[in-house]
């Protein structure tokens, strides 16, 4: 459940058979769970 599918697809003028959807299929991660995707996750203060 750390990574999920979070689309934002819309179809304006939906009643028009020729209307073209705006596509956005995205996979996202809850930022606090980034460590689940890497063998090593470092928190670094560059300053």
ModelCIF file with pLDDT and N, C-alpha, C, O atoms, coordinates in Angstrom:
data_MODEL
#
_entry.id   MODEL 
#
_entity.id                         1 
_entity.type                       polymer 
_entity.pdbx_number_of_molecules   1 
#
_entity_poly.entity_id                      1 
_entity_poly.type                           'polypeptide(L)' 
_entity_poly.nstd_linkage                   no 
_entity_poly.nstd_monomer                   no 
_entity_poly.pdbx_seq_one_letter_code       
;(UNK)(UNK)(UNK)(UNK)(UNK)(UNK)(UNK)(UNK)(UNK)(UNK)(UNK)(UNK)(UNK)(UNK)(UNK)(UNK)
(UNK)(UNK)(UNK)(UNK)(UNK)(UNK)(UNK)(UNK)(UNK)(UNK)(UNK)(UNK)(UNK)(UNK)(UNK)(UNK)
(UNK)(UNK)(UNK)(UNK)(UNK)(UNK)(UNK)(UNK)(UNK)(UNK)(UNK)(UNK)(UNK)(UNK)(UNK)
;
_entity_poly.pdbx_seq_one_letter_code_can   XXXXXXXXXXXXXXXXXXXXXXXXXXXXXXXXXXXXXXXXXXXXXXX 
_entity_poly.pdbx_strand_id                 A 
#
loop_
_entity_poly_seq.entity_id 
_entity_poly_seq.num 
_entity_poly_seq.mon_id 
_entity_poly_seq.hetero 
1 1  UNK n 
1 2  UNK n 
1 3  UNK n 
1 4  UNK n 
1 5  UNK n 
1 6  UNK n 
1 7  UNK n 
1 8  UNK n 
1 9  UNK n 
1 10 UNK n 
1 11 UNK n 
1 12 UNK n 
1 13 UNK n 
1 14 UNK n 
1 15 UNK n 
1 16 UNK n 
1 17 UNK n 
1 18 UNK n 
1 19 UNK n 
1 20 UNK n 
1 21 UNK n 
1 22 UNK n 
1 23 UNK n 
1 24 UNK n 
1 25 UNK n 
1 26 UNK n 
1 27 UNK n 
1 28 UNK n 
1 29 UNK n 
1 30 UNK n 
1 31 UNK n 
1 32 UNK n 
1 33 UNK n 
1 34 UNK n 
1 35 UNK n 
1 36 UNK n 
1 37 UNK n 
1 38 UNK n 
1 39 UNK n 
1 40 UNK n 
1 41 UNK n 
1 42 UNK n 
1 43 UNK n 
1 44 UNK n 
1 45 UNK n 
1 46 UNK n 
1 47 UNK n 
#
_struct_asym.id          A 
_struct_asym.entity_id   1 
#
loop_
_ma_qa_metric.id 
_ma_qa_metric.mode 
_ma_qa_metric.name 
_ma_qa_metric.software_group_id 
_ma_qa_metric.type 
1 global pLDDT . pLDDT 
2 local  pLDDT . pLDDT 
#
_ma_qa_metric_global.metric_id      1 
_ma_qa_metric_global.metric_value   94.13 
_ma_qa_metric_global.model_id       1 
_ma_qa_metric_global.ordinal_id     1 
#
loop_
_ma_qa_metric_local.label_asym_id 
_ma_qa_metric_local.label_comp_id 
_ma_qa_metric_local.label_seq_id 
_ma_qa_metric_local.metric_id 
_ma_qa_metric_local.metric_value 
_ma_qa_metric_local.model_id 
_ma_qa_metric_local.ordinal_id 
A UNK 1  2 96.00 1 1  
A UNK 2  2 96.00 1 2  
A UNK 3  2 97.00 1 3  
A UNK 4  2 97.00 1 4  
A UNK 5  2 98.00 1 5  
A UNK 6  2 97.00 1 6  
A UNK 7  2 97.00 1 7  
A UNK 8  2 95.00 1 8  
A UNK 9  2 96.00 1 9  
A UNK 10 2 96.00 1 10 
A UNK 11 2 97.00 1 11 
A UNK 12 2 95.00 1 12 
A UNK 13 2 95.00 1 13 
A UNK 14 2 93.00 1 14 
A UNK 15 2 93.00 1 15 
A UNK 16 2 94.00 1 16 
A UNK 17 2 92.00 1 17 
A UNK 18 2 92.00 1 18 
A UNK 19 2 94.00 1 19 
A UNK 20 2 93.00 1 20 
A UNK 21 2 94.00 1 21 
A UNK 22 2 95.00 1 22 
A UNK 23 2 94.00 1 23 
A UNK 24 2 92.00 1 24 
A UNK 25 2 94.00 1 25 
A UNK 26 2 94.00 1 26 
A UNK 27 2 96.00 1 27 
A UNK 28 2 94.00 1 28 
A UNK 29 2 93.00 1 29 
A UNK 30 2 89.00 1 30 
A UNK 31 2 88.00 1 31 
A UNK 32 2 89.00 1 32 
A UNK 33 2 93.00 1 33 
A UNK 34 2 92.00 1 34 
A UNK 35 2 93.00 1 35 
A UNK 36 2 94.00 1 36 
A UNK 37 2 94.00 1 37 
A UNK 38 2 94.00 1 38 
A UNK 39 2 92.00 1 39 
A UNK 40 2 93.00 1 40 
A UNK 41 2 94.00 1 41 
A UNK 42 2 95.00 1 42 
A UNK 43 2 94.00 1 43 
A UNK 44 2 96.00 1 44 
A UNK 45 2 96.00 1 45 
A UNK 46 2 96.00 1 46 
A UNK 47 2 93.00 1 47 
#
loop_
_atom_site.group_PDB 
_atom_site.id 
_atom_site.type_symbol 
_atom_site.label_atom_id 
_atom_site.label_alt_id 
_atom_site.label_comp_id 
_atom_site.label_asym_id 
_atom_site.label_entity_id 
_atom_site.label_seq_id 
_atom_site.pdbx_PDB_ins_code 
_atom_site.Cartn_x 
_atom_site.Cartn_y 
_atom_site.Cartn_z 
_atom_site.occupancy 
_atom_site.B_iso_or_equiv 
_atom_site.pdbx_formal_charge 
_atom_site.auth_seq_id 
_atom_site.auth_comp_id 
_atom_site.auth_asym_id 
_atom_site.auth_atom_id 
_atom_site.pdbx_PDB_model_num 
ATOM 1   N N  . UNK A 1 1  ? 0.782   -1.231 0.000   1.00 96.00 ? 1  UNK A N  1 
ATOM 2   C CA . UNK A 1 1  ? 0.000   0.000  0.000   1.00 96.00 ? 1  UNK A CA 1 
ATOM 3   C C  . UNK A 1 1  ? 0.811   1.277  0.000   1.00 96.00 ? 1  UNK A C  1 
ATOM 4   O O  . UNK A 1 1  ? 0.250   2.362  0.149   1.00 96.00 ? 1  UNK A O  1 
ATOM 5   N N  . UNK A 1 2  ? 2.126   1.172  -0.165  1.00 96.00 ? 2  UNK A N  1 
ATOM 6   C CA . UNK A 1 2  ? 2.972   2.370  -0.184  1.00 96.00 ? 2  UNK A CA 1 
ATOM 7   C C  . UNK A 1 2  ? 2.931   3.046  -1.559  1.00 96.00 ? 2  UNK A C  1 
ATOM 8   O O  . UNK A 1 2  ? 2.988   4.271  -1.661  1.00 96.00 ? 2  UNK A O  1 
ATOM 9   N N  . UNK A 1 3  ? 2.832   2.231  -2.609  1.00 97.00 ? 3  UNK A N  1 
ATOM 10  C CA . UNK A 1 3  ? 2.759   2.730  -3.979  1.00 97.00 ? 3  UNK A CA 1 
ATOM 11  C C  . UNK A 1 3  ? 1.350   2.442  -4.498  1.00 97.00 ? 3  UNK A C  1 
ATOM 12  O O  . UNK A 1 3  ? 0.804   1.365  -4.258  1.00 97.00 ? 3  UNK A O  1 
ATOM 13  N N  . UNK A 1 4  ? 0.774   3.395  -5.202  1.00 97.00 ? 4  UNK A N  1 
ATOM 14  C CA . UNK A 1 4  ? -0.608  3.224  -5.658  1.00 97.00 ? 4  UNK A CA 1 
ATOM 15  C C  . UNK A 1 4  ? -0.817  3.933  -6.995  1.00 97.00 ? 4  UNK A C  1 
ATOM 16  O O  . UNK A 1 4  ? -0.017  4.767  -7.418  1.00 97.00 ? 4  UNK A O  1 
ATOM 17  N N  . UNK A 1 5  ? -1.906  3.571  -7.631  1.00 98.00 ? 5  UNK A N  1 
ATOM 18  C CA . UNK A 1 5  ? -2.303  4.169  -8.909  1.00 98.00 ? 5  UNK A CA 1 
ATOM 19  C C  . UNK A 1 5  ? -3.220  5.344  -8.605  1.00 98.00 ? 5  UNK A C  1 
ATOM 20  O O  . UNK A 1 5  ? -4.236  5.181  -7.929  1.00 98.00 ? 5  UNK A O  1 
ATOM 21  N N  . UNK A 1 6  ? -2.873  6.517  -9.096  1.00 97.00 ? 6  UNK A N  1 
ATOM 22  C CA . UNK A 1 6  ? -3.615  7.731  -8.778  1.00 97.00 ? 6  UNK A CA 1 
ATOM 23  C C  . UNK A 1 6  ? -3.841  8.540  -10.053 1.00 97.00 ? 6  UNK A C  1 
ATOM 24  O O  . UNK A 1 6  ? -3.187  9.563  -10.258 1.00 97.00 ? 6  UNK A O  1 
ATOM 25  N N  . UNK A 1 7  ? -4.762  8.093  -10.912 1.00 97.00 ? 7  UNK A N  1 
ATOM 26  C CA . UNK A 1 7  ? -4.954  8.742  -12.215 1.00 97.00 ? 7  UNK A CA 1 
ATOM 27  C C  . UNK A 1 7  ? -5.683  10.073 -12.107 1.00 97.00 ? 7  UNK A C  1 
ATOM 28  O O  . UNK A 1 7  ? -6.361  10.351 -11.118 1.00 97.00 ? 7  UNK A O  1 
ATOM 29  N N  . UNK A 1 8  ? -5.530  10.876 -13.128 1.00 95.00 ? 8  UNK A N  1 
ATOM 30  C CA . UNK A 1 8  ? -6.281  12.114 -13.254 1.00 95.00 ? 8  UNK A CA 1 
ATOM 31  C C  . UNK A 1 8  ? -6.688  12.258 -14.707 1.00 95.00 ? 8  UNK A C  1 
ATOM 32  O O  . UNK A 1 8  ? -6.167  13.114 -15.422 1.00 95.00 ? 8  UNK A O  1 
ATOM 33  N N  . UNK A 1 9  ? -7.615  11.425 -15.141 1.00 96.00 ? 9  UNK A N  1 
ATOM 34  C CA . UNK A 1 9  ? -8.035  11.392 -16.546 1.00 96.00 ? 9  UNK A CA 1 
ATOM 35  C C  . UNK A 1 9  ? -9.375  12.102 -16.673 1.00 96.00 ? 9  UNK A C  1 
ATOM 36  O O  . UNK A 1 9  ? -10.300 11.834 -15.907 1.00 96.00 ? 9  UNK A O  1 
ATOM 37  N N  . UNK A 1 10 ? -9.476  13.001 -17.632 1.00 96.00 ? 10 UNK A N  1 
ATOM 38  C CA . UNK A 1 10 ? -10.738 13.714 -17.807 1.00 96.00 ? 10 UNK A CA 1 
ATOM 39  C C  . UNK A 1 10 ? -11.150 13.726 -19.281 1.00 96.00 ? 10 UNK A C  1 
ATOM 40  O O  . UNK A 1 10 ? -10.317 13.693 -20.186 1.00 96.00 ? 10 UNK A O  1 
ATOM 41  N N  . UNK A 1 11 ? -12.466 13.775 -19.482 1.00 97.00 ? 11 UNK A N  1 
ATOM 42  C CA . UNK A 1 11 ? -13.034 13.811 -20.833 1.00 97.00 ? 11 UNK A CA 1 
ATOM 43  C C  . UNK A 1 11 ? -14.042 14.949 -20.887 1.00 97.00 ? 11 UNK A C  1 
ATOM 44  O O  . UNK A 1 11 ? -15.164 14.818 -20.396 1.00 97.00 ? 11 UNK A O  1 
ATOM 45  N N  . UNK A 1 12 ? -13.642 16.064 -21.484 1.00 95.00 ? 12 UNK A N  1 
ATOM 46  C CA . UNK A 1 12 ? -14.540 17.199 -21.644 1.00 95.00 ? 12 UNK A CA 1 
ATOM 47  C C  . UNK A 1 12 ? -15.354 17.020 -22.924 1.00 95.00 ? 12 UNK A C  1 
ATOM 48  O O  . UNK A 1 12 ? -14.933 16.325 -23.849 1.00 95.00 ? 12 UNK A O  1 
ATOM 49  N N  . UNK A 1 13 ? -16.515 17.653 -22.963 1.00 95.00 ? 13 UNK A N  1 
ATOM 50  C CA . UNK A 1 13 ? -17.443 17.453 -24.084 1.00 95.00 ? 13 UNK A CA 1 
ATOM 51  C C  . UNK A 1 13 ? -17.696 15.962 -24.289 1.00 95.00 ? 13 UNK A C  1 
ATOM 52  O O  . UNK A 1 13 ? -17.631 15.445 -25.404 1.00 95.00 ? 13 UNK A O  1 
ATOM 53  N N  . UNK A 1 14 ? -17.983 15.299 -23.187 1.00 93.00 ? 14 UNK A N  1 
ATOM 54  C CA . UNK A 1 14 ? -18.103 13.842 -23.197 1.00 93.00 ? 14 UNK A CA 1 
ATOM 55  C C  . UNK A 1 14 ? -19.199 13.339 -24.121 1.00 93.00 ? 14 UNK A C  1 
ATOM 56  O O  . UNK A 1 14 ? -19.125 12.210 -24.607 1.00 93.00 ? 14 UNK A O  1 
ATOM 57  N N  . UNK A 1 15 ? -20.210 14.153 -24.371 1.00 93.00 ? 15 UNK A N  1 
ATOM 58  C CA . UNK A 1 15 ? -21.304 13.713 -25.240 1.00 93.00 ? 15 UNK A CA 1 
ATOM 59  C C  . UNK A 1 15 ? -20.907 13.724 -26.709 1.00 93.00 ? 15 UNK A C  1 
ATOM 60  O O  . UNK A 1 15 ? -21.590 13.141 -27.551 1.00 93.00 ? 15 UNK A O  1 
ATOM 61  N N  . UNK A 1 16 ? -19.810 14.384 -27.006 1.00 94.00 ? 16 UNK A N  1 
ATOM 62  C CA . UNK A 1 16 ? -19.315 14.422 -28.386 1.00 94.00 ? 16 UNK A CA 1 
ATOM 63  C C  . UNK A 1 16 ? -18.481 13.165 -28.637 1.00 94.00 ? 16 UNK A C  1 
ATOM 64  O O  . UNK A 1 16 ? -17.460 12.980 -27.976 1.00 94.00 ? 16 UNK A O  1 
ATOM 65  N N  . UNK A 1 17 ? -18.876 12.306 -29.561 1.00 92.00 ? 17 UNK A N  1 
ATOM 66  C CA . UNK A 1 17 ? -18.139 11.054 -29.788 1.00 92.00 ? 17 UNK A CA 1 
ATOM 67  C C  . UNK A 1 17 ? -16.697 11.271 -30.247 1.00 92.00 ? 17 UNK A C  1 
ATOM 68  O O  . UNK A 1 17 ? -15.881 10.351 -30.186 1.00 92.00 ? 17 UNK A O  1 
ATOM 69  N N  . UNK A 1 18 ? -16.382 12.483 -30.707 1.00 92.00 ? 18 UNK A N  1 
ATOM 70  C CA . UNK A 1 18 ? -15.025 12.762 -31.181 1.00 92.00 ? 18 UNK A CA 1 
ATOM 71  C C  . UNK A 1 18 ? -14.154 13.448 -30.126 1.00 92.00 ? 18 UNK A C  1 
ATOM 72  O O  . UNK A 1 18 ? -13.009 13.802 -30.409 1.00 92.00 ? 18 UNK A O  1 
ATOM 73  N N  . UNK A 1 19 ? -14.674 13.636 -28.936 1.00 94.00 ? 19 UNK A N  1 
ATOM 74  C CA . UNK A 1 19 ? -13.899 14.316 -27.892 1.00 94.00 ? 19 UNK A CA 1 
ATOM 75  C C  . UNK A 1 19 ? -12.684 13.478 -27.502 1.00 94.00 ? 19 UNK A C  1 
ATOM 76  O O  . UNK A 1 19 ? -12.740 12.248 -27.494 1.00 94.00 ? 19 UNK A O  1 
ATOM 77  N N  . UNK A 1 20 ? -11.593 14.157 -27.181 1.00 93.00 ? 20 UNK A N  1 
ATOM 78  C CA . UNK A 1 20 ? -10.329 13.513 -26.866 1.00 93.00 ? 20 UNK A CA 1 
ATOM 79  C C  . UNK A 1 20 ? -10.026 13.693 -25.382 1.00 93.00 ? 20 UNK A C  1 
ATOM 80  O O  . UNK A 1 20 ? -10.031 14.824 -24.895 1.00 93.00 ? 20 UNK A O  1 
ATOM 81  N N  . UNK A 1 21 ? -9.765  12.616 -24.653 1.00 94.00 ? 21 UNK A N  1 
ATOM 82  C CA . UNK A 1 21 ? -9.512  12.743 -23.220 1.00 94.00 ? 21 UNK A CA 1 
ATOM 83  C C  . UNK A 1 21 ? -8.118  13.300 -22.918 1.00 94.00 ? 21 UNK A C  1 
ATOM 84  O O  . UNK A 1 21 ? -7.190  13.150 -23.712 1.00 94.00 ? 21 UNK A O  1 
ATOM 85  N N  . UNK A 1 22 ? -7.994  13.933 -21.780 1.00 95.00 ? 22 UNK A N  1 
ATOM 86  C CA . UNK A 1 22 ? -6.690  14.329 -21.268 1.00 95.00 ? 22 UNK A CA 1 
ATOM 87  C C  . UNK A 1 22 ? -6.207  13.197 -20.375 1.00 95.00 ? 22 UNK A C  1 
ATOM 88  O O  . UNK A 1 22 ? -6.842  12.867 -19.373 1.00 95.00 ? 22 UNK A O  1 
ATOM 89  N N  . UNK A 1 23 ? -5.067  12.600 -20.750 1.00 94.00 ? 23 UNK A N  1 
ATOM 90  C CA . UNK A 1 23 ? -4.605  11.391 -20.064 1.00 94.00 ? 23 UNK A CA 1 
ATOM 91  C C  . UNK A 1 23 ? -3.598  11.727 -18.965 1.00 94.00 ? 23 UNK A C  1 
ATOM 92  O O  . UNK A 1 23 ? -2.735  12.587 -19.144 1.00 94.00 ? 23 UNK A O  1 
ATOM 93  N N  . UNK A 1 24 ? -3.714  11.053 -17.848 1.00 92.00 ? 24 UNK A N  1 
ATOM 94  C CA . UNK A 1 24 ? -2.704  11.146 -16.800 1.00 92.00 ? 24 UNK A CA 1 
ATOM 95  C C  . UNK A 1 24 ? -2.793  9.895  -15.922 1.00 92.00 ? 24 UNK A C  1 
ATOM 96  O O  . UNK A 1 24 ? -3.536  9.860  -14.941 1.00 92.00 ? 24 UNK A O  1 
ATOM 97  N N  . UNK A 1 25 ? -2.036  8.891  -16.286 1.00 94.00 ? 25 UNK A N  1 
ATOM 98  C CA . UNK A 1 25 ? -1.989  7.658  -15.500 1.00 94.00 ? 25 UNK A CA 1 
ATOM 99  C C  . UNK A 1 25 ? -0.695  7.678  -14.695 1.00 94.00 ? 25 UNK A C  1 
ATOM 100 O O  . UNK A 1 25 ? 0.388   7.512  -15.256 1.00 94.00 ? 25 UNK A O  1 
ATOM 101 N N  . UNK A 1 26 ? -0.800  7.876  -13.412 1.00 94.00 ? 26 UNK A N  1 
ATOM 102 C CA . UNK A 1 26 ? 0.419   8.011  -12.621 1.00 94.00 ? 26 UNK A CA 1 
ATOM 103 C C  . UNK A 1 26 ? 0.437   7.060  -11.423 1.00 94.00 ? 26 UNK A C  1 
ATOM 104 O O  . UNK A 1 26 ? -0.584  6.787  -10.792 1.00 94.00 ? 26 UNK A O  1 
ATOM 105 N N  . UNK A 1 27 ? 1.628   6.578  -11.146 1.00 96.00 ? 27 UNK A N  1 
ATOM 106 C CA . UNK A 1 27 ? 1.871   5.780  -9.951  1.00 96.00 ? 27 UNK A CA 1 
ATOM 107 C C  . UNK A 1 27 ? 2.630   6.655  -8.962  1.00 96.00 ? 27 UNK A C  1 
ATOM 108 O O  . UNK A 1 27 ? 3.648   7.259  -9.298  1.00 96.00 ? 27 UNK A O  1 
ATOM 109 N N  . UNK A 1 28 ? 2.118   6.711  -7.741  1.00 94.00 ? 28 UNK A N  1 
ATOM 110 C CA . UNK A 1 28 ? 2.672   7.606  -6.736  1.00 94.00 ? 28 UNK A CA 1 
ATOM 111 C C  . UNK A 1 28 ? 3.051   6.832  -5.485  1.00 94.00 ? 28 UNK A C  1 
ATOM 112 O O  . UNK A 1 28 ? 2.631   5.692  -5.286  1.00 94.00 ? 28 UNK A O  1 
ATOM 113 N N  . UNK A 1 29 ? 3.848   7.472  -4.651  1.00 93.00 ? 29 UNK A N  1 
ATOM 114 C CA . UNK A 1 29 ? 4.263   6.862  -3.397  1.00 93.00 ? 29 UNK A CA 1 
ATOM 115 C C  . UNK A 1 29 ? 4.014   7.858  -2.271  1.00 93.00 ? 29 UNK A C  1 
ATOM 116 O O  . UNK A 1 29 ? 4.267   9.054  -2.421  1.00 93.00 ? 29 UNK A O  1 
ATOM 117 N N  . UNK A 1 30 ? 3.521   7.361  -1.151  1.00 89.00 ? 30 UNK A N  1 
ATOM 118 C CA . UNK A 1 30 ? 3.441   8.166  0.055   1.00 89.00 ? 30 UNK A CA 1 
ATOM 119 C C  . UNK A 1 30 ? 4.876   8.485  0.462   1.00 89.00 ? 30 UNK A C  1 
ATOM 120 O O  . UNK A 1 30 ? 5.667   7.571  0.696   1.00 89.00 ? 30 UNK A O  1 
ATOM 121 N N  . UNK A 1 31 ? 5.217   9.748  0.546   1.00 88.00 ? 31 UNK A N  1 
ATOM 122 C CA . UNK A 1 31 ? 6.624   10.139 0.659   1.00 88.00 ? 31 UNK A CA 1 
ATOM 123 C C  . UNK A 1 31 ? 7.318   9.509  1.873   1.00 88.00 ? 31 UNK A C  1 
ATOM 124 O O  . UNK A 1 31 ? 8.512   9.215  1.819   1.00 88.00 ? 31 UNK A O  1 
ATOM 125 N N  . UNK A 1 32 ? 6.592   9.307  2.943   1.00 89.00 ? 32 UNK A N  1 
ATOM 126 C CA . UNK A 1 32 ? 7.235   8.750  4.140   1.00 89.00 ? 32 UNK A CA 1 
ATOM 127 C C  . UNK A 1 32 ? 7.619   7.287  3.970   1.00 89.00 ? 32 UNK A C  1 
ATOM 128 O O  . UNK A 1 32 ? 8.313   6.722  4.815   1.00 89.00 ? 32 UNK A O  1 
ATOM 129 N N  . UNK A 1 33 ? 7.166   6.668  2.868   1.00 93.00 ? 33 UNK A N  1 
ATOM 130 C CA . UNK A 1 33 ? 7.495   5.268  2.617   1.00 93.00 ? 33 UNK A CA 1 
ATOM 131 C C  . UNK A 1 33 ? 8.506   5.099  1.476   1.00 93.00 ? 33 UNK A C  1 
ATOM 132 O O  . UNK A 1 33 ? 8.618   4.010  0.914   1.00 93.00 ? 33 UNK A O  1 
ATOM 133 N N  . UNK A 1 34 ? 9.231   6.144  1.134   1.00 92.00 ? 34 UNK A N  1 
ATOM 134 C CA . UNK A 1 34 ? 10.254  6.028  0.095   1.00 92.00 ? 34 UNK A CA 1 
ATOM 135 C C  . UNK A 1 34 ? 11.269  4.944  0.406   1.00 92.00 ? 34 UNK A C  1 
ATOM 136 O O  . UNK A 1 34 ? 11.800  4.292  -0.492  1.00 92.00 ? 34 UNK A O  1 
ATOM 137 N N  . UNK A 1 35 ? 11.532  4.761  1.703   1.00 93.00 ? 35 UNK A N  1 
ATOM 138 C CA . UNK A 1 35 ? 12.548  3.773  2.097   1.00 93.00 ? 35 UNK A CA 1 
ATOM 139 C C  . UNK A 1 35 ? 12.195  2.362  1.657   1.00 93.00 ? 35 UNK A C  1 
ATOM 140 O O  . UNK A 1 35 ? 13.078  1.510  1.561   1.00 93.00 ? 35 UNK A O  1 
ATOM 141 N N  . UNK A 1 36 ? 10.901  2.095  1.384   1.00 94.00 ? 36 UNK A N  1 
ATOM 142 C CA . UNK A 1 36 ? 10.491  0.762  0.944   1.00 94.00 ? 36 UNK A CA 1 
ATOM 143 C C  . UNK A 1 36 ? 10.935  0.471  -0.487  1.00 94.00 ? 36 UNK A C  1 
ATOM 144 O O  . UNK A 1 36 ? 10.919  -0.679 -0.926  1.00 94.00 ? 36 UNK A O  1 
ATOM 145 N N  . UNK A 1 37 ? 11.332  1.516  -1.212  1.00 94.00 ? 37 UNK A N  1 
ATOM 146 C CA . UNK A 1 37 ? 11.686  1.341  -2.625  1.00 94.00 ? 37 UNK A CA 1 
ATOM 147 C C  . UNK A 1 37 ? 13.186  1.284  -2.867  1.00 94.00 ? 37 UNK A C  1 
ATOM 148 O O  . UNK A 1 37 ? 13.620  1.041  -3.993  1.00 94.00 ? 37 UNK A O  1 
ATOM 149 N N  . UNK A 1 38 ? 13.978  1.502  -1.839  1.00 94.00 ? 38 UNK A N  1 
ATOM 150 C CA . UNK A 1 38 ? 15.433  1.533  -2.010  1.00 94.00 ? 38 UNK A CA 1 
ATOM 151 C C  . UNK A 1 38 ? 16.124  0.680  -0.953  1.00 94.00 ? 38 UNK A C  1 
ATOM 152 O O  . UNK A 1 38 ? 15.671  0.561  0.186   1.00 94.00 ? 38 UNK A O  1 
ATOM 153 N N  . UNK A 1 39 ? 17.219  0.104  -1.369  1.00 92.00 ? 39 UNK A N  1 
ATOM 154 C CA . UNK A 1 39 ? 18.011  -0.669 -0.424  1.00 92.00 ? 39 UNK A CA 1 
ATOM 155 C C  . UNK A 1 39 ? 18.634  0.250  0.621   1.00 92.00 ? 39 UNK A C  1 
ATOM 156 O O  . UNK A 1 39 ? 18.870  -0.160 1.757   1.00 92.00 ? 39 UNK A O  1 
ATOM 157 N N  . UNK A 1 40 ? 18.897  1.494  0.230   1.00 93.00 ? 40 UNK A N  1 
ATOM 158 C CA . UNK A 1 40 ? 19.420  2.477  1.176   1.00 93.00 ? 40 UNK A CA 1 
ATOM 159 C C  . UNK A 1 40 ? 18.803  3.836  0.885   1.00 93.00 ? 40 UNK A C  1 
ATOM 160 O O  . UNK A 1 40 ? 18.834  4.297  -0.256  1.00 93.00 ? 40 UNK A O  1 
ATOM 161 N N  . UNK A 1 41 ? 18.242  4.483  1.904   1.00 94.00 ? 41 UNK A N  1 
ATOM 162 C CA . UNK A 1 41 ? 17.701  5.831  1.779   1.00 94.00 ? 41 UNK A CA 1 
ATOM 163 C C  . UNK A 1 41 ? 18.373  6.696  2.836   1.00 94.00 ? 41 UNK A C  1 
ATOM 164 O O  . UNK A 1 41 ? 18.188  6.487  4.034   1.00 94.00 ? 41 UNK A O  1 
ATOM 165 N N  . UNK A 1 42 ? 19.152  7.666  2.382   1.00 95.00 ? 42 UNK A N  1 
ATOM 166 C CA . UNK A 1 42 ? 19.898  8.549  3.287   1.00 95.00 ? 42 UNK A CA 1 
ATOM 167 C C  . UNK A 1 42 ? 19.190  9.895  3.389   1.00 95.00 ? 42 UNK A C  1 
ATOM 168 O O  . UNK A 1 42 ? 18.694  10.422 2.393   1.00 95.00 ? 42 UNK A O  1 
ATOM 169 N N  . UNK A 1 43 ? 19.147  10.444 4.596   1.00 94.00 ? 43 UNK A N  1 
ATOM 170 C CA . UNK A 1 43 ? 18.639  11.790 4.829   1.00 94.00 ? 43 UNK A CA 1 
ATOM 171 C C  . UNK A 1 43 ? 19.853  12.682 5.076   1.00 94.00 ? 43 UNK A C  1 
ATOM 172 O O  . UNK A 1 43 ? 20.595  12.495 6.040   1.00 94.00 ? 43 UNK A O  1 
ATOM 173 N N  . UNK A 1 44 ? 20.038  13.656 4.184   1.00 96.00 ? 44 UNK A N  1 
ATOM 174 C CA . UNK A 1 44 ? 21.274  14.427 4.186   1.00 96.00 ? 44 UNK A CA 1 
ATOM 175 C C  . UNK A 1 44 ? 20.954  15.927 4.212   1.00 96.00 ? 44 UNK A C  1 
ATOM 176 O O  . UNK A 1 44 ? 20.119  16.409 3.446   1.00 96.00 ? 44 UNK A O  1 
ATOM 177 N N  . UNK A 1 45 ? 21.625  16.642 5.096   1.00 96.00 ? 45 UNK A N  1 
ATOM 178 C CA . UNK A 1 45 ? 21.580  18.101 5.105   1.00 96.00 ? 45 UNK A CA 1 
ATOM 179 C C  . UNK A 1 45 ? 22.789  18.587 4.314   1.00 96.00 ? 45 UNK A C  1 
ATOM 180 O O  . UNK A 1 45 ? 23.918  18.515 4.799   1.00 96.00 ? 45 UNK A O  1 
ATOM 181 N N  . UNK A 1 46 ? 22.558  19.080 3.098   1.00 96.00 ? 46 UNK A N  1 
ATOM 182 C CA . UNK A 1 46 ? 23.689  19.467 2.245   1.00 96.00 ? 46 UNK A CA 1 
ATOM 183 C C  . UNK A 1 46 ? 24.404  20.702 2.771   1.00 96.00 ? 46 UNK A C  1 
ATOM 184 O O  . UNK A 1 46 ? 25.518  21.009 2.346   1.00 96.00 ? 46 UNK A O  1 
ATOM 185 N N  . UNK A 1 47 ? 23.759  21.419 3.706   1.00 93.00 ? 47 UNK A N  1 
ATOM 186 C CA . UNK A 1 47 ? 24.363  22.626 4.261   1.00 93.00 ? 47 UNK A CA 1 
ATOM 187 C C  . UNK A 1 47 ? 25.142  22.353 5.544   1.00 93.00 ? 47 UNK A C  1 
ATOM 188 O O  . UNK A 1 47 ? 25.709  23.275 6.130   1.00 93.00 ? 47 UNK A O  1 
#
